[in-house]
Amino acid sequence: MTDLGAFENEEIVVDDVNRDGYGFALRPQHIQRYREYANIYKVWQTHTHTHIYVILLFLVQMFLQFLFC
């Protein structure tokens, strides 16, 4: 099972024009496209993590109901 807490503090950095959010170098012709899509990825990551926690909470509740029925 993966540690979801390790990804909570990751942020996509748009300010640094030479590197993307993960530290990889960007080619000059891709900088504008990266800036356009960086916020979309940030929203997607937040949305995905929220759904994972909801699913895990549901599974824990189902397990507890199974144990105490």
PDB file of N, CA and C in Angstrom:
ATOM      1  N   MET A   1       0.846  -1.176   0.000  1.00  0.00           N
ATOM      2  CA  MET A   1       0.000   0.000   0.000  1.00  0.00           C
ATOM      3  C   MET A   1       0.889   1.235   0.000  1.00  0.00           C
ATOM      4  N   THR A   2       0.546   2.230  -0.762  1.00  0.00           N
ATOM      5  CA  THR A   2       1.375   3.420  -0.873  1.00  0.00           C
ATOM      6  C   THR A   2       1.064   4.409   0.232  1.00  0.00           C
ATOM      7  N   ASP A   3       2.027   5.234   0.556  1.00  0.00           N
ATOM      8  CA  ASP A   3       1.867   6.271   1.567  1.00  0.00           C
ATOM      9  C   ASP A   3       1.335   7.528   0.885  1.00  0.00           C
ATOM     10  N   LEU A   4       0.043   7.806   1.069  1.00  0.00           N
ATOM     11  CA  LEU A   4      -0.568   8.958   0.417  1.00  0.00           C
ATOM     12  C   LEU A   4      -0.105  10.270   1.026  1.00  0.00           C
ATOM     13  N   GLY A   5       0.332  10.241   2.273  1.00  0.00           N
ATOM     14  CA  GLY A   5       0.792  11.453   2.929  1.00  0.00           C
ATOM     15  C   GLY A   5       2.046  12.029   2.281  1.00  0.00           C
ATOM     16  N   ALA A   6       2.807  11.208   1.597  1.00  0.00           N
ATOM     17  CA  ALA A   6       4.030  11.687   0.950  1.00  0.00           C
ATOM     18  C   ALA A   6       3.722  12.647  -0.182  1.00  0.00           C
ATOM     19  N   PHE A   7       2.533  12.569  -0.750  1.00  0.00           N
ATOM     20  CA  PHE A   7       2.175  13.411  -1.885  1.00  0.00           C
ATOM     21  C   PHE A   7       1.397  14.661  -1.495  1.00  0.00           C
ATOM     22  N   GLU A   8       1.013  14.774  -0.236  1.00  0.00           N
ATOM     23  CA  GLU A   8       0.177  15.896   0.179  1.00  0.00           C
ATOM     24  C   GLU A   8       0.866  17.238   0.022  1.00  0.00           C
ATOM     25  N   ASN A   9       2.160  17.287   0.288  1.00  0.00           N
ATOM     26  CA  ASN A   9       2.866  18.563   0.285  1.00  0.00           C
ATOM     27  C   ASN A   9       3.465  18.916  -1.065  1.00  0.00           C
ATOM     28  N   GLU A  10       3.263  18.080  -2.064  1.00  0.00           N
ATOM     29  CA  GLU A  10       3.797  18.377  -3.386  1.00  0.00           C
ATOM     30  C   GLU A  10       2.975  19.467  -4.045  1.00  0.00           C
ATOM     31  N   GLU A  11       3.663  20.418  -4.642  1.00  0.00           N
ATOM     32  CA  GLU A  11       2.985  21.483  -5.370  1.00  0.00           C
ATOM     33  C   GLU A  11       3.658  21.646  -6.717  1.00  0.00           C
ATOM     34  N   ILE A  12       2.877  21.992  -7.704  1.00  0.00           N
ATOM     35  CA  ILE A  12       3.422  22.258  -9.020  1.00  0.00           C
ATOM     36  C   ILE A  12       3.838  23.713  -9.058  1.00  0.00           C
ATOM     37  N   VAL A  13       5.099  23.945  -9.365  1.00  0.00           N
ATOM     38  CA  VAL A  13       5.638  25.300  -9.374  1.00  0.00           C
ATOM     39  C   VAL A  13       5.579  25.852 -10.785  1.00  0.00           C
ATOM     40  N   VAL A  14       4.949  27.016 -10.936  1.00  0.00           N
ATOM     41  CA  VAL A  14       4.802  27.624 -12.250  1.00  0.00           C
ATOM     42  C   VAL A  14       5.788  28.772 -12.423  1.00  0.00           C
ATOM     43  N   ASP A  15       6.309  29.310 -11.325  1.00  0.00           N
ATOM     44  CA  ASP A  15       7.143  30.496 -11.380  1.00  0.00           C
ATOM     45  C   ASP A  15       8.509  30.244 -12.015  1.00  0.00           C
ATOM     46  N   ASP A  16       9.077  29.087 -11.784  1.00  0.00           N
ATOM     47  CA  ASP A  16      10.398  28.789 -12.327  1.00  0.00           C
ATOM     48  C   ASP A  16      10.243  28.406 -13.796  1.00  0.00           C
ATOM     49  N   VAL A  17      10.757  29.240 -14.696  1.00  0.00           N
ATOM     50  CA  VAL A  17      10.522  29.017 -16.125  1.00  0.00           C
ATOM     51  C   VAL A  17      11.432  27.956 -16.717  1.00  0.00           C
ATOM     52  N   ASN A  18      12.469  27.545 -16.002  1.00  0.00           N
ATOM     53  CA  ASN A  18      13.398  26.559 -16.549  1.00  0.00           C
ATOM     54  C   ASN A  18      13.079  25.133 -16.115  1.00  0.00           C
ATOM     55  N   ARG A  19      12.283  24.973 -15.079  1.00  0.00           N
ATOM     56  CA  ARG A  19      12.000  23.650 -14.530  1.00  0.00           C
ATOM     57  C   ARG A  19      10.511  23.483 -14.294  1.00  0.00           C
ATOM     58  N   ASP A  20      10.021  22.258 -14.412  1.00  0.00           N
ATOM     59  CA  ASP A  20       8.617  22.009 -14.089  1.00  0.00           C
ATOM     60  C   ASP A  20       8.494  21.720 -12.600  1.00  0.00           C
ATOM     61  N   GLY A  21       7.303  21.347 -12.152  1.00  0.00           N
ATOM     62  CA  GLY A  21       7.047  21.118 -10.743  1.00  0.00           C
ATOM     63  C   GLY A  21       7.824  19.963 -10.151  1.00  0.00           C
ATOM     64  N   TYR A  22       8.328  19.075 -10.972  1.00  0.00           N
ATOM     65  CA  TYR A  22       9.085  17.928 -10.498  1.00  0.00           C
ATOM     66  C   TYR A  22      10.591  18.101 -10.707  1.00  0.00           C
ATOM     67  N   GLY A  23      11.012  19.280 -11.196  1.00  0.00           N
ATOM     68  CA  GLY A  23      12.420  19.574 -11.344  1.00  0.00           C
ATOM     69  C   GLY A  23      13.004  19.253 -12.707  1.00  0.00           C
ATOM     70  N   PHE A  24      12.200  18.781 -13.630  1.00  0.00           N
ATOM     71  CA  PHE A  24      12.712  18.466 -14.960  1.00  0.00           C
ATOM     72  C   PHE A  24      12.854  19.740 -15.786  1.00  0.00           C
ATOM     73  N   ALA A  25      13.868  19.795 -16.614  1.00  0.00           N
ATOM     74  CA  ALA A  25      14.108  20.971 -17.447  1.00  0.00           C
ATOM     75  C   ALA A  25      13.036  21.093 -18.530  1.00  0.00           C
ATOM     76  N   LEU A  26      12.623  22.330 -18.770  1.00  0.00           N
ATOM     77  CA  LEU A  26      11.637  22.609 -19.814  1.00  0.00           C
ATOM     78  C   LEU A  26      12.320  23.226 -21.016  1.00  0.00           C
ATOM     79  N   ARG A  27      11.926  22.809 -22.180  1.00  0.00           N
ATOM     80  CA  ARG A  27      12.427  23.450 -23.390  1.00  0.00           C
ATOM     81  C   ARG A  27      11.719  24.786 -23.564  1.00  0.00           C
ATOM     82  N   PRO A  28      12.394  25.766 -24.124  1.00  0.00           N
ATOM     83  CA  PRO A  28      11.786  27.092 -24.270  1.00  0.00           C
ATOM     84  C   PRO A  28      10.460  27.076 -25.028  1.00  0.00           C
ATOM     85  N   GLN A  29      10.306  26.221 -26.023  1.00  0.00           N
ATOM     86  CA  GLN A  29       9.079  26.189 -26.802  1.00  0.00           C
ATOM     87  C   GLN A  29       7.909  25.574 -26.028  1.00  0.00           C
ATOM     88  N   HIS A  30       8.180  24.936 -24.868  1.00  0.00           N
ATOM     89  CA  HIS A  30       7.115  24.299 -24.089  1.00  0.00           C
ATOM     90  C   HIS A  30       6.723  25.073 -22.831  1.00  0.00           C
ATOM     91  N   ILE A  31       7.404  26.167 -22.543  1.00  0.00           N
ATOM     92  CA  ILE A  31       7.162  26.908 -21.307  1.00  0.00           C
ATOM     93  C   ILE A  31       5.743  27.453 -21.252  1.00  0.00           C
ATOM     94  N   GLN A  32       5.261  28.073 -22.329  1.00  0.00           N
ATOM     95  CA  GLN A  32       3.914  28.633 -22.321  1.00  0.00           C
ATOM     96  C   GLN A  32       2.865  27.539 -22.130  1.00  0.00           C
ATOM     97  N   ARG A  33       3.021  26.421 -22.808  1.00  0.00           N
ATOM     98  CA  ARG A  33       2.070  25.317 -22.668  1.00  0.00           C
ATOM     99  C   ARG A  33       2.084  24.778 -21.241  1.00  0.00           C
ATOM    100  N   TYR A  34       3.268  24.685 -20.636  1.00  0.00           N
ATOM    101  CA  TYR A  34       3.370  24.231 -19.244  1.00  0.00           C
ATOM    102  C   TYR A  34       2.612  25.162 -18.312  1.00  0.00           C
ATOM    103  N   ARG A  35       2.775  26.456 -18.499  1.00  0.00           N
ATOM    104  CA  ARG A  35       2.066  27.416 -17.642  1.00  0.00           C
ATOM    105  C   ARG A  35       0.554  27.281 -17.793  1.00  0.00           C
ATOM    106  N   GLU A  36       0.083  27.023 -19.001  1.00  0.00           N
ATOM    107  CA  GLU A  36      -1.355  26.870 -19.233  1.00  0.00           C
ATOM    108  C   GLU A  36      -1.918  25.657 -18.502  1.00  0.00           C
ATOM    109  N   TYR A  37      -1.191  24.567 -18.491  1.00  0.00           N
ATOM    110  CA  TYR A  37      -1.704  23.318 -17.951  1.00  0.00           C
ATOM    111  C   TYR A  37      -1.314  23.044 -16.508  1.00  0.00           C
ATOM    112  N   ALA A  38      -0.394  23.787 -15.936  1.00  0.00           N
ATOM    113  CA  ALA A  38       0.075  23.516 -14.575  1.00  0.00           C
ATOM    114  C   ALA A  38      -1.061  23.605 -13.563  1.00  0.00           C
ATOM    115  N   ASN A  39      -1.921  24.596 -13.691  1.00  0.00           N
ATOM    116  CA  ASN A  39      -3.031  24.728 -12.739  1.00  0.00           C
ATOM    117  C   ASN A  39      -4.043  23.601 -12.884  1.00  0.00           C
ATOM    118  N   ILE A  40      -4.240  23.118 -14.104  1.00  0.00           N
ATOM    119  CA  ILE A  40      -5.149  21.987 -14.316  1.00  0.00           C
ATOM    120  C   ILE A  40      -4.627  20.754 -13.593  1.00  0.00           C
ATOM    121  N   TYR A  41      -3.326  20.493 -13.675  1.00  0.00           N
ATOM    122  CA  TYR A  41      -2.749  19.353 -12.982  1.00  0.00           C
ATOM    123  C   TYR A  41      -2.868  19.502 -11.478  1.00  0.00           C
ATOM    124  N   LYS A  42      -2.693  20.724 -10.965  1.00  0.00           N
ATOM    125  CA  LYS A  42      -2.800  20.960  -9.530  1.00  0.00           C
ATOM    126  C   LYS A  42      -4.214  20.642  -9.050  1.00  0.00           C
ATOM    127  N   VAL A  43      -5.230  21.080  -9.784  1.00  0.00           N
ATOM    128  CA  VAL A  43      -6.625  20.800  -9.424  1.00  0.00           C
ATOM    129  C   VAL A  43      -6.880  19.301  -9.515  1.00  0.00           C
ATOM    130  N   TRP A  44      -6.367  18.655 -10.530  1.00  0.00           N
ATOM    131  CA  TRP A  44      -6.574  17.221 -10.708  1.00  0.00           C
ATOM    132  C   TRP A  44      -5.967  16.436  -9.552  1.00  0.00           C
ATOM    133  N   GLN A  45      -4.754  16.813  -9.108  1.00  0.00           N
ATOM    134  CA  GLN A  45      -4.118  16.118  -8.005  1.00  0.00           C
ATOM    135  C   GLN A  45      -4.926  16.267  -6.725  1.00  0.00           C
ATOM    136  N   THR A  46      -5.413  17.470  -6.455  1.00  0.00           N
ATOM    137  CA  THR A  46      -6.221  17.705  -5.263  1.00  0.00           C
ATOM    138  C   THR A  46      -7.509  16.892  -5.326  1.00  0.00           C
ATOM    139  N   HIS A  47      -8.150  16.878  -6.477  1.00  0.00           N
ATOM    140  CA  HIS A  47      -9.400  16.146  -6.672  1.00  0.00           C
ATOM    141  C   HIS A  47      -9.174  14.647  -6.483  1.00  0.00           C
ATOM    142  N   THR A  48      -8.098  14.129  -7.025  1.00  0.00           N
ATOM    143  CA  THR A  48      -7.789  12.704  -6.927  1.00  0.00           C
ATOM    144  C   THR A  48      -7.530  12.300  -5.484  1.00  0.00           C
ATOM    145  N   HIS A  49      -6.749  13.094  -4.754  1.00  0.00           N
ATOM    146  CA  HIS A  49      -6.456  12.764  -3.359  1.00  0.00           C
ATOM    147  C   HIS A  49      -7.723  12.789  -2.514  1.00  0.00           C
ATOM    148  N   THR A  50      -8.619  13.716  -2.782  1.00  0.00           N
ATOM    149  CA  THR A  50      -9.873  13.783  -2.046  1.00  0.00           C
ATOM    150  C   THR A  50     -10.691  12.515  -2.255  1.00  0.00           C
ATOM    151  N   HIS A  51     -10.771  12.039  -3.487  1.00  0.00           N
ATOM    152  CA  HIS A  51     -11.536  10.831  -3.775  1.00  0.00           C
ATOM    153  C   HIS A  51     -10.905   9.598  -3.141  1.00  0.00           C
ATOM    154  N   ILE A  52      -9.598   9.548  -3.102  1.00  0.00           N
ATOM    155  CA  ILE A  52      -8.924   8.399  -2.487  1.00  0.00           C
ATOM    156  C   ILE A  52      -9.268   8.320  -1.008  1.00  0.00           C
ATOM    157  N   TYR A  53      -9.251   9.466  -0.320  1.00  0.00           N
ATOM    158  CA  TYR A  53      -9.575   9.458   1.105  1.00  0.00           C
ATOM    159  C   TYR A  53     -11.037   9.098   1.350  1.00  0.00           C
ATOM    160  N   VAL A  54     -11.938   9.524   0.496  1.00  0.00           N
ATOM    161  CA  VAL A  54     -13.357   9.173   0.634  1.00  0.00           C
ATOM    162  C   VAL A  54     -13.539   7.674   0.456  1.00  0.00           C
ATOM    163  N   ILE A  55     -12.873   7.099  -0.516  1.00  0.00           N
ATOM    164  CA  ILE A  55     -12.970   5.657  -0.756  1.00  0.00           C
ATOM    165  C   ILE A  55     -12.391   4.877   0.415  1.00  0.00           C
ATOM    166  N   LEU A  56     -11.248   5.320   0.943  1.00  0.00           N
ATOM    167  CA  LEU A  56     -10.648   4.625   2.089  1.00  0.00           C
ATOM    168  C   LEU A  56     -11.540   4.726   3.322  1.00  0.00           C
ATOM    169  N   LEU A  57     -12.143   5.873   3.543  1.00  0.00           N
ATOM    170  CA  LEU A  57     -13.061   6.032   4.664  1.00  0.00           C
ATOM    171  C   LEU A  57     -14.250   5.086   4.524  1.00  0.00           C
ATOM    172  N   PHE A  58     -14.787   4.978   3.323  1.00  0.00           N
ATOM    173  CA  PHE A  58     -15.895   4.060   3.070  1.00  0.00           C
ATOM    174  C   PHE A  58     -15.492   2.617   3.372  1.00  0.00           C
ATOM    175  N   LEU A  59     -14.321   2.222   2.917  1.00  0.00           N
ATOM    176  CA  LEU A  59     -13.867   0.848   3.149  1.00  0.00           C
ATOM    177  C   LEU A  59     -13.667   0.565   4.629  1.00  0.00           C
ATOM    178  N   VAL A  60     -13.137   1.519   5.360  1.00  0.00           N
ATOM    179  CA  VAL A  60     -12.952   1.342   6.800  1.00  0.00           C
ATOM    180  C   VAL A  60     -14.303   1.205   7.487  1.00  0.00           C
ATOM    181  N   GLN A  61     -15.276   2.029   7.105  1.00  0.00           N
ATOM    182  CA  GLN A  61     -16.610   1.930   7.690  1.00  0.00           C
ATOM    183  C   GLN A  61     -17.246   0.574   7.401  1.00  0.00           C
ATOM    184  N   MET A  62     -17.085   0.090   6.186  1.00  0.00           N
ATOM    185  CA  MET A  62     -17.641  -1.223   5.840  1.00  0.00           C
ATOM    186  C   MET A  62     -16.977  -2.327   6.666  1.00  0.00           C
ATOM    187  N   PHE A  63     -15.679  -2.221   6.843  1.00  0.00           N
ATOM    188  CA  PHE A  63     -14.947  -3.216   7.628  1.00  0.00           C
ATOM    189  C   PHE A  63     -15.405  -3.199   9.085  1.00  0.00           C
ATOM    190  N   LEU A  64     -15.589  -2.005   9.647  1.00  0.00           N
ATOM    191  CA  LEU A  64     -16.045  -1.904  11.030  1.00  0.00           C
ATOM    192  C   LEU A  64     -17.457  -2.441  11.197  1.00  0.00           C
ATOM    193  N   GLN A  65     -18.314  -2.202  10.230  1.00  0.00           N
ATOM    194  CA  GLN A  65     -19.660  -2.765  10.295  1.00  0.00           C
ATOM    195  C   GLN A  65     -19.639  -4.278  10.227  1.00  0.00           C
ATOM    196  N   PHE A  66     -18.729  -4.805   9.432  1.00  0.00           N
ATOM    197  CA  PHE A  66     -18.589  -6.256   9.313  1.00  0.00           C
ATOM    198  C   PHE A  66     -18.131  -6.858  10.634  1.00  0.00           C
ATOM    199  N   LEU A  67     -17.213  -6.179  11.310  1.00  0.00           N
ATOM    200  CA  LEU A  67     -16.690  -6.700  12.563  1.00  0.00           C
ATOM    201  C   LEU A  67     -17.721  -6.662  13.686  1.00  0.00           C
ATOM    202  N   PHE A  68     -18.531  -5.638  13.740  1.00  0.00           N
ATOM    203  CA  PHE A  68     -19.419  -5.441  14.889  1.00  0.00           C
ATOM    204  C   PHE A  68     -20.881  -5.789  14.633  1.00  0.00           C
ATOM    205  N   CYS A  69     -21.180  -6.456  13.556  1.00  0.00           N
ATOM    206  CA  CYS A  69     -22.565  -6.866  13.303  1.00  0.00           C
ATOM    207  C   CYS A  69     -22.898  -8.175  13.962  1.00  0.00           C
TER     208      CYS A  69
END
